[in-house]
């Protein structure tokens, strides 16, 4: 929830009061203003000036605080301030959730020339990269960079062990 104080006719319009990010990701906190006023950002009670991973972008109708490579210590209350007007945005930082494969196609037997379809359902945070690898007697290769693998006309060369892999950064 965002809190806005209006004093002397200058006000900030709340956009959001709570933002969640995972460690090592980038996040933007947005503070809308009614005009192109100079806005300062504070973390708890400390002004954010010259912090290496923090960038303040100012536009005609908003100010954006960009935090790169989010760390657990970045969690807390951020304040967007113009004069006596104040908006608070709480940043929650979570550790990435280990990818978990919920369902993947199992053993599949198809005739030469038929189509084969393999699908993989996975969850995790931040967003996952899901792909299929094929292991043959000689090597392992990535055969699909999507959660689904479709072989339109199966040949003997398609025989092998296929493995669904889910990764997050």
Protein backbone atom coordinates (compact mmCIF):
# COMPACT_ATOMS: atom_id res chain seq x y z
CA UNK A 1 0.00 0.00 0.00
CA UNK A 2 1.30 3.45 -0.87
CA UNK A 3 1.02 6.39 1.49
CA UNK A 4 0.74 9.90 0.08
CA UNK A 5 0.89 13.11 2.07
CA UNK A 6 -0.35 16.31 0.42
CA UNK A 7 1.05 19.59 1.72
CA UNK A 8 0.81 23.01 0.13
CA UNK A 9 -0.78 21.80 -3.12
CA UNK A 10 2.16 19.62 -4.22
CA UNK A 11 1.29 15.95 -4.39
CA UNK A 12 2.61 12.65 -5.65
CA UNK A 13 0.31 10.10 -7.20
CA UNK A 14 0.85 6.56 -5.89
CA UNK A 15 1.67 3.86 -8.43
CA UNK A 16 2.43 0.92 -6.20
CA UNK A 17 3.20 0.40 -2.56
CA UNK A 18 4.87 -2.99 -2.70
CA UNK A 19 7.34 -4.51 -5.14
CA UNK A 20 8.88 -7.99 -4.97
CA UNK A 21 12.17 -8.93 -6.66
CA UNK A 22 14.54 -11.87 -6.55
CA UNK A 23 18.23 -11.59 -5.76
CA UNK A 24 20.51 -10.86 -8.73
CA UNK A 25 17.58 -9.44 -10.75
CA UNK A 26 16.98 -5.80 -11.70
CA UNK A 27 13.97 -3.87 -10.40
CA UNK A 28 12.38 -0.47 -11.05
CA UNK A 29 10.43 1.51 -8.47
CA UNK A 30 8.15 4.10 -10.07
CA UNK A 31 6.88 7.31 -8.50
CA UNK A 32 4.40 9.31 -10.60
CA UNK A 33 4.31 13.06 -10.27
CA UNK A 34 1.87 15.60 -11.66
CA UNK A 35 4.62 17.62 -13.32
CA UNK A 36 8.35 17.56 -13.90
CA UNK A 37 9.35 18.33 -10.30
CA UNK A 38 12.71 17.31 -8.88
CA UNK A 39 12.16 14.15 -6.86
CA UNK A 40 14.58 12.64 -4.35
CA UNK A 41 14.69 9.00 -3.33
CA UNK A 42 15.47 7.73 0.15
CA UNK A 43 16.18 4.25 1.47
CA UNK A 44 14.74 4.20 4.98
CA UNK A 45 15.99 7.67 5.99
CA UNK A 46 19.14 7.91 3.85
CA UNK A 47 19.20 9.85 0.56
CA UNK A 48 20.15 7.72 -2.45
CA UNK A 49 22.92 9.70 -4.12
CA UNK A 50 25.75 8.10 -6.10
CA UNK A 51 25.04 4.53 -5.01
CA UNK A 52 26.77 2.23 -7.55
CA UNK A 53 23.87 -0.15 -8.35
CA UNK A 54 21.13 2.52 -8.07
CA UNK A 55 20.09 4.84 -10.90
CA UNK A 56 17.48 7.59 -10.74
CA UNK A 57 15.73 8.44 -14.00
CA UNK A 58 13.51 11.50 -14.19
CA UNK A 59 10.74 11.95 -16.73
CA UNK A 60 8.07 14.63 -17.13
CA UNK A 61 5.45 12.69 -15.18
CA UNK A 62 7.45 10.20 -13.08
CA UNK A 63 10.68 9.34 -11.36
CA UNK A 64 12.12 5.83 -11.60
CA UNK A 65 14.60 4.28 -9.19
CA UNK A 66 16.38 1.38 -10.93
CA UNK A 67 18.23 -1.11 -8.75
CA UNK A 68 20.60 -3.48 -10.55
CA UNK A 69 21.77 -6.84 -9.22
CA UNK A 70 19.29 -6.81 -6.31
CA UNK A 71 20.66 -8.13 -3.01
CA UNK A 72 18.94 -9.22 0.19
CA UNK A 73 20.18 -6.05 1.92
CA UNK A 74 18.21 -3.92 -0.59
CA UNK A 75 14.91 -4.99 1.01
CA UNK A 76 13.06 -2.30 2.93
CA UNK A 77 11.16 0.95 2.61
CA UNK A 78 11.97 3.37 -0.19
CA UNK A 79 10.60 6.89 -0.19
CA UNK A 80 9.99 9.11 -3.18
CA UNK A 81 10.02 12.72 -1.97
CA UNK A 82 9.18 16.11 -3.47
CA UNK A 83 9.12 18.86 -0.92
CA UNK A 84 6.82 17.72 1.88
CA UNK A 85 5.01 15.14 -0.31
CA UNK A 86 6.03 11.55 0.21
CA UNK A 87 5.27 8.15 -1.33
CA UNK A 88 6.49 4.95 0.27
CA UNK A 89 7.25 1.77 -1.67
CA UNK A 90 8.25 -1.38 0.19
CA UNK A 91 10.70 -3.65 -1.64
CA UNK A 92 10.67 -7.31 -0.68
CA UNK A 93 13.62 -9.39 -1.85
CA UNK A 94 13.33 -13.15 -2.22
CA UNK A 95 15.91 -15.81 -2.88
CA UNK A 96 15.42 -17.53 -6.24
CA UNK A 97 13.22 -20.61 -6.04
CA UNK A 98 14.91 -23.76 -7.25
CA UNK A 99 13.36 -24.94 -10.53
CA UNK A 100 10.95 -27.79 -10.12
CA UNK A 101 9.64 -29.94 -12.96
CA UNK A 102 5.96 -30.57 -12.37
CA UNK A 103 5.27 -32.81 -15.34
CA UNK A 104 7.21 -34.06 -18.35
CA UNK A 105 6.35 -36.44 -21.15
CA UNK A 106 7.29 -40.02 -20.33
CA UNK A 107 8.36 -42.97 -22.50
CA UNK A 108 7.10 -42.54 -26.02
CA UNK A 109 7.09 -45.05 -28.86
CA UNK A 110 6.21 -43.90 -32.36
CA UNK A 111 6.47 -45.36 -35.82
CA UNK A 112 8.88 -43.91 -38.37
CA UNK A 113 7.25 -41.00 -40.21
CA UNK A 114 4.79 -40.23 -37.39
CA UNK A 115 5.00 -37.14 -35.23
CA UNK A 116 6.34 -37.09 -31.67
CA UNK A 117 5.47 -34.45 -29.09
CA UNK A 118 7.19 -33.98 -25.73
CA UNK A 119 6.10 -31.35 -23.21
CA UNK A 120 7.57 -30.14 -19.93
CA UNK A 121 5.86 -28.11 -17.16
CA UNK A 122 8.20 -26.40 -14.68
CA UNK A 123 8.07 -23.65 -12.06
CA UNK A 124 10.69 -21.47 -10.40
CA UNK A 125 11.75 -17.89 -9.77
CA UNK A 126 13.04 -15.85 -11.53
CA UNK A 127 11.44 -17.00 -14.81
CA UNK A 128 12.86 -20.25 -16.04
CA UNK A 129 14.65 -21.33 -19.15
CA UNK A 130 13.15 -24.72 -20.06
CA UNK A 131 14.65 -26.87 -22.81
CA UNK A 132 15.07 -30.44 -24.04
CA UNK A 133 18.40 -32.27 -24.38
CA UNK A 134 18.89 -35.49 -26.31
CA UNK A 135 21.53 -38.02 -25.28
CA UNK A 136 22.70 -40.39 -27.97
CA UNK A 137 25.53 -42.91 -27.87
CA UNK A 138 27.98 -40.26 -29.09
CA UNK A 139 27.03 -36.95 -27.46
CA UNK A 140 24.47 -34.76 -25.76
CA UNK A 141 22.80 -31.95 -27.68
CA UNK A 142 20.08 -29.39 -27.08
CA UNK A 143 17.22 -30.20 -29.41
CA UNK A 144 14.68 -27.60 -28.29
CA UNK A 145 14.92 -24.30 -26.45
CA UNK A 146 11.21 -24.36 -25.61
CA UNK A 147 9.22 -26.30 -23.05
CA UNK A 148 7.77 -28.36 -25.92
CA UNK A 149 9.53 -30.49 -28.50
CA UNK A 150 7.76 -31.46 -31.72
CA UNK A 151 9.29 -33.85 -34.24
CA UNK A 152 7.03 -33.75 -37.31
CA UNK A 153 8.30 -36.93 -38.97
CA UNK A 154 10.30 -39.30 -36.75
CA UNK A 155 13.32 -41.09 -38.22
CA UNK A 156 15.72 -43.61 -36.65
CA UNK A 157 18.12 -40.74 -35.92
CA UNK A 158 15.56 -39.32 -33.46
CA UNK A 159 15.79 -42.39 -31.20
CA UNK A 160 17.45 -41.68 -27.86
CA UNK A 161 16.95 -40.41 -24.35
CA UNK A 162 15.38 -36.95 -24.08
CA UNK A 163 15.63 -34.97 -20.87
CA UNK A 164 13.68 -31.88 -19.85
CA UNK A 165 15.91 -29.30 -18.13
CA UNK A 166 14.73 -26.21 -16.24
CA UNK A 167 17.19 -23.48 -15.17
CA UNK A 168 17.00 -20.06 -13.61
CA UNK A 169 19.80 -17.53 -13.38
